[in-house]
């Protein structure tokens, strides 16, 4: 996709899991990737790896929940670069229902998964308007569309991401800004391995198989599969797509509902 050669893609949480796969895909297609990340060690190592491959990549330390940090990061990029693509990928998970979820946990999830997305939108949209357009892709989840046990705060936050996607697409369609989201099912990332190891010691393979089978297709997704869809939605080939959420879930939503 030669169209990405002159594009700048800002990716939050782009140093691990799905975000890393997305950043790698854009870099492979010639885009300059700007990774906004709180984990400096991971981000620096990944950017160094991409640079050695001849890719164009940069890392900026940024907590998306902090609007001041977001503004400084985006100002640093926009001094001499356009912001053509924004991927709101940064997010954190939580296990608990409405009864067991503490106020502290609810606020923590909301600050990253909801306010973090708002902060990025709030700062980047004026830049995209001024430059004549852009593409925004938000990371929602199957949890935003159907009930999943013990995911109260996480589901609420991803429902908000979905609503923000629709709102931004509606409000800025005439500014040549496209905004979509994707809703992954379970994806095999280091987070999943860590979650299983922590909560089911000695039963890792058994639990991995059980979680894999919750997708009707019989396995978890791969980060690279999510990245391929994101790349397409941000390309000119998807120029007629906006205000849309695309599930990528092995049939989880439609075949389990």
Protein backbone atom coordinates (compact mmCIF):
# COMPACT_ATOMS: atom_id res chain seq x y z
CA UNK A 1 0.00 0.00 0.00
CA UNK A 2 2.20 2.79 -1.34
CA UNK A 3 -0.33 5.31 -0.07
CA UNK A 4 1.17 5.04 3.42
CA UNK A 5 4.68 6.11 2.37
CA UNK A 6 4.08 9.78 3.18
CA UNK A 7 1.71 9.18 6.12
CA UNK A 8 2.23 9.59 9.84
CA UNK A 9 0.40 7.12 12.06
CA UNK A 10 0.04 7.79 15.79
CA UNK A 11 -0.57 4.60 17.77
CA UNK A 12 -1.31 4.62 21.48
CA UNK A 13 -0.19 1.58 23.45
CA UNK A 14 1.83 0.57 20.41
CA UNK A 15 4.65 -1.39 22.03
CA UNK A 16 2.91 -4.66 22.92
CA UNK A 17 0.14 -7.00 21.87
CA UNK A 18 -2.32 -5.75 19.27
CA UNK A 19 -0.83 -2.25 19.28
CA UNK A 20 2.62 -3.59 18.46
CA UNK A 21 1.25 -5.63 15.56
CA UNK A 22 -0.55 -2.55 14.24
CA UNK A 23 2.59 -0.42 14.48
CA UNK A 24 4.61 -3.12 12.72
CA UNK A 25 2.06 -3.34 9.90
CA UNK A 26 2.04 0.41 9.26
CA UNK A 27 5.83 0.54 9.41
CA UNK A 28 6.06 -2.36 6.94
CA UNK A 29 3.87 -0.39 4.54
CA UNK A 30 6.15 2.64 4.70
CA UNK A 31 4.32 4.85 7.17
CA UNK A 32 6.17 6.77 9.85
CA UNK A 33 4.86 5.39 13.13
CA UNK A 34 4.69 7.41 16.33
CA UNK A 35 4.23 5.16 19.35
CA UNK A 36 2.72 6.78 22.44
CA UNK A 37 3.39 4.48 25.36
CA UNK A 38 3.77 4.46 29.15
CA UNK A 39 6.12 1.47 29.11
CA UNK A 40 9.34 3.14 28.01
CA UNK A 41 11.49 0.02 28.10
CA UNK A 42 9.23 -1.91 25.75
CA UNK A 43 8.71 1.06 23.44
CA UNK A 44 12.38 1.93 23.12
CA UNK A 45 13.30 -1.68 22.33
CA UNK A 46 10.57 -1.95 19.70
CA UNK A 47 11.46 1.34 18.02
CA UNK A 48 15.11 0.31 17.94
CA UNK A 49 14.08 -2.97 16.32
CA UNK A 50 11.99 -1.19 13.68
CA UNK A 51 14.77 1.31 12.97
CA UNK A 52 17.29 -1.48 12.41
CA UNK A 53 14.86 -2.91 9.86
CA UNK A 54 15.00 0.39 8.00
CA UNK A 55 11.54 1.47 9.15
CA UNK A 56 10.60 4.96 10.32
CA UNK A 57 9.53 4.84 13.96
CA UNK A 58 9.53 7.09 17.01
CA UNK A 59 8.56 6.71 20.65
CA UNK A 60 7.11 9.39 22.90
CA UNK A 61 6.46 8.76 26.58
CA UNK A 62 2.80 9.52 27.19
CA UNK A 63 0.05 8.55 29.60
CA UNK A 64 -3.11 8.96 27.52
CA UNK A 65 -5.13 9.55 30.69
CA UNK A 66 -3.20 12.79 31.23
CA UNK A 67 -4.36 15.48 28.80
CA UNK A 68 -1.28 17.65 29.38
CA UNK A 69 0.99 14.78 28.37
CA UNK A 70 -1.18 14.08 25.32
CA UNK A 71 -1.00 17.71 24.22
CA UNK A 72 2.78 17.82 24.60
CA UNK A 73 3.21 14.57 22.67
CA UNK A 74 0.97 15.63 19.80
CA UNK A 75 2.58 19.09 19.65
CA UNK A 76 5.97 17.41 19.37
CA UNK A 77 4.76 15.34 16.40
CA UNK A 78 2.83 18.13 14.71
CA UNK A 79 5.72 20.63 14.77
CA UNK A 80 6.98 19.28 11.47
CA UNK A 81 4.62 16.42 10.60
CA UNK A 82 1.00 15.90 9.66
CA UNK A 83 -1.09 13.49 11.71
CA UNK A 84 -2.80 11.40 9.07
CA UNK A 85 -3.87 8.40 11.11
CA UNK A 86 -4.74 8.01 14.79
CA UNK A 87 -5.08 4.56 16.32
CA UNK A 88 -6.64 4.67 19.79
CA UNK A 89 -5.40 1.32 20.99
CA UNK A 90 -4.19 1.93 24.56
CA UNK A 91 -6.39 0.22 27.11
CA UNK A 92 -6.39 -1.84 30.28
CA UNK A 93 -8.51 -4.76 31.40
CA UNK A 94 -10.33 -5.64 34.60
CA UNK A 95 -12.16 -8.66 35.95
CA UNK A 96 -15.16 -8.04 38.20
CA UNK A 97 -18.91 -7.50 38.25
CA UNK A 98 -20.83 -4.44 39.44
CA UNK A 99 -20.74 -5.67 43.03
CA UNK A 100 -17.06 -6.56 43.24
CA UNK A 101 -15.66 -3.66 41.18
CA UNK A 102 -14.27 -1.01 43.50
CA UNK A 103 -14.55 2.70 42.86
CA UNK A 104 -10.79 2.82 42.47
CA UNK A 105 -10.84 0.12 39.81
CA UNK A 106 -13.74 1.73 37.96
CA UNK A 107 -11.98 5.10 37.92
CA UNK A 108 -8.72 3.49 36.74
CA UNK A 109 -10.41 1.72 33.83
CA UNK A 110 -12.39 4.83 32.90
CA UNK A 111 -9.33 7.10 33.00
CA UNK A 112 -7.44 5.06 30.41
CA UNK A 113 -10.11 3.40 28.29
CA UNK A 114 -12.55 6.31 28.11
CA UNK A 115 -10.74 9.52 29.05
CA UNK A 116 -7.61 8.38 27.23
CA UNK A 117 -9.54 8.03 23.98
CA UNK A 118 -11.28 11.36 24.57
CA UNK A 119 -7.95 13.09 25.24
CA UNK A 120 -6.49 11.86 21.97
CA UNK A 121 -9.60 12.80 19.99
CA UNK A 122 -9.80 16.22 21.66
CA UNK A 123 -6.22 17.09 20.73
CA UNK A 124 -5.89 15.43 17.32
CA UNK A 125 -9.21 16.30 15.64
CA UNK A 126 -8.45 20.08 15.38
CA UNK A 127 -5.17 19.20 13.66
CA UNK A 128 -6.91 16.86 11.20
CA UNK A 129 -9.53 19.53 10.47
CA UNK A 130 -6.84 22.12 9.77
CA UNK A 131 -4.87 19.83 7.45
CA UNK A 132 -7.97 18.78 5.53
CA UNK A 133 -8.80 15.37 6.92
CA UNK A 134 -7.54 12.17 8.48
CA UNK A 135 -8.49 8.70 9.65
CA UNK A 136 -9.27 7.61 13.21
CA UNK A 137 -9.53 4.00 14.31
CA UNK A 138 -10.68 3.15 17.83
CA UNK A 139 -10.18 -0.20 19.53
CA UNK A 140 -13.55 -1.35 20.86
CA UNK A 141 -14.35 -4.94 21.84
CA UNK A 142 -16.96 -7.66 21.61
CA UNK A 143 -17.60 -6.68 25.25
CA UNK A 144 -19.15 -3.45 24.00
CA UNK A 145 -21.93 -5.34 22.25
CA UNK A 146 -22.93 -8.29 24.39
CA UNK A 147 -22.69 -9.43 27.98
CA UNK A 148 -19.50 -11.10 29.17
CA UNK A 149 -19.33 -12.38 32.72
CA UNK A 150 -17.29 -10.34 35.21
CA UNK A 151 -16.28 -7.61 32.79
CA UNK A 152 -18.46 -4.80 34.17
CA UNK A 153 -16.04 -1.85 34.08
CA UNK A 154 -14.23 -3.04 30.97
CA UNK A 155 -17.49 -3.55 29.07
CA UNK A 156 -18.73 -0.12 30.13
CA UNK A 157 -15.52 1.49 28.90
CA UNK A 158 -15.60 -0.24 25.53
CA UNK A 159 -19.27 0.66 25.13
CA UNK A 160 -18.17 4.27 25.54
CA UNK A 161 -15.48 3.82 22.89
CA UNK A 162 -18.10 2.51 20.48
CA UNK A 163 -20.39 5.48 21.17
CA UNK A 164 -17.50 7.93 20.74
CA UNK A 165 -16.71 6.33 17.39
CA UNK A 166 -20.22 6.94 16.10
CA UNK A 167 -20.29 10.48 17.49
CA UNK A 168 -16.96 11.53 15.99
CA UNK A 169 -17.85 10.01 12.61
CA UNK A 170 -21.12 11.96 12.57
CA UNK A 171 -19.69 15.27 13.76
CA UNK A 172 -16.64 15.42 11.49
CA UNK A 173 -17.64 13.61 8.30
CA UNK A 174 -17.78 16.96 6.49
CA UNK A 175 -14.21 17.68 7.59
CA UNK A 176 -12.99 14.66 5.61
CA UNK A 177 -12.32 12.73 8.82
CA UNK A 178 -13.28 9.07 8.81
CA UNK A 179 -13.75 7.34 12.17
CA UNK A 180 -14.33 3.62 12.65
CA UNK A 181 -13.71 1.00 15.29
CA UNK A 182 -12.94 -2.68 15.41
CA UNK A 183 -14.25 -5.12 18.00
CA UNK A 184 -11.85 -8.01 18.57
CA UNK A 185 -12.83 -11.18 20.33
CA UNK A 186 -10.20 -12.99 22.37
CA UNK A 187 -6.76 -12.42 20.87
CA UNK A 188 -3.65 -14.35 21.88
CA UNK A 189 -1.33 -11.74 23.36
CA UNK A 190 1.22 -11.78 26.21
CA UNK A 191 -1.55 -10.31 28.39
CA UNK A 192 -3.65 -13.45 27.93
CA UNK A 193 -0.72 -15.72 28.79
CA UNK A 194 0.02 -13.64 31.89
CA UNK A 195 -3.63 -13.63 32.98
CA UNK A 196 -3.87 -17.41 32.67
CA UNK A 197 -0.56 -18.02 34.45
CA UNK A 198 -1.57 -15.74 37.33
CA UNK A 199 -5.09 -17.03 37.84
CA UNK A 200 -4.79 -20.70 36.83
CA UNK A 201 -1.32 -21.94 37.83
CA UNK A 202 -0.77 -25.51 36.74
CA UNK A 203 -3.80 -25.42 34.43
CA UNK A 204 -2.46 -23.06 31.80
CA UNK A 205 -3.02 -25.26 28.75
CA UNK A 206 -6.43 -26.38 29.95
CA UNK A 207 -7.62 -22.78 30.42
CA UNK A 208 -6.04 -21.63 27.17
CA UNK A 209 -7.96 -24.31 25.30
CA UNK A 210 -11.19 -23.43 27.12
CA UNK A 211 -10.86 -19.72 26.32
CA UNK A 212 -9.99 -20.52 22.72
CA UNK A 213 -13.16 -22.56 22.31
CA UNK A 214 -15.38 -19.64 23.39
CA UNK A 215 -14.86 -18.38 19.82
CA UNK A 216 -17.09 -20.46 17.52
CA UNK A 217 -14.20 -20.65 15.05
CA UNK A 218 -12.34 -22.65 17.72
CA UNK A 219 -9.27 -20.50 18.40
CA UNK A 220 -8.14 -17.09 19.55
CA UNK A 221 -7.31 -14.37 17.06
CA UNK A 222 -3.78 -13.35 16.21
CA UNK A 223 -2.60 -9.74 16.75
CA UNK A 224 -1.50 -9.67 13.11
CA UNK A 225 -5.06 -10.45 11.99
CA UNK A 226 -6.37 -7.43 13.88
CA UNK A 227 -3.57 -5.32 12.41
CA UNK A 228 -4.44 -6.36 8.86
CA UNK A 229 -8.04 -5.19 9.35
CA UNK A 230 -6.92 -1.90 10.91
CA UNK A 231 -4.52 -1.29 8.02
CA UNK A 232 -7.33 -1.80 5.52
CA UNK A 233 -9.77 0.47 7.36
CA UNK A 234 -7.16 3.24 7.41
CA UNK A 235 -6.37 2.87 3.72
CA UNK A 236 -7.95 4.61 0.74
CA UNK A 237 -9.49 1.25 -0.19
CA UNK A 238 -11.84 1.82 2.77
CA UNK A 239 -12.59 5.40 1.77
CA UNK A 240 -16.35 4.76 1.74
CA UNK A 241 -16.37 3.35 5.29
CA UNK A 242 -17.01 5.60 8.28
CA UNK A 243 -19.12 5.44 11.44
CA UNK A 244 -18.80 1.66 11.45
CA UNK A 245 -17.69 -0.96 13.93
CA UNK A 246 -16.20 -4.11 12.43
CA UNK A 247 -16.20 -7.24 14.62
CA UNK A 248 -13.19 -9.51 14.21
CA UNK A 249 -14.11 -12.22 16.65
CA UNK A 250 -14.26 -15.69 15.11
CA UNK A 251 -18.05 -15.49 15.13
CA UNK A 252 -18.29 -14.60 18.83
CA UNK A 253 -20.98 -11.90 18.58
CA UNK A 254 -23.31 -13.29 15.95
CA UNK A 255 -22.93 -16.99 16.67
CA UNK A 256 -23.03 -16.77 20.48
CA UNK A 257 -25.92 -14.29 20.77
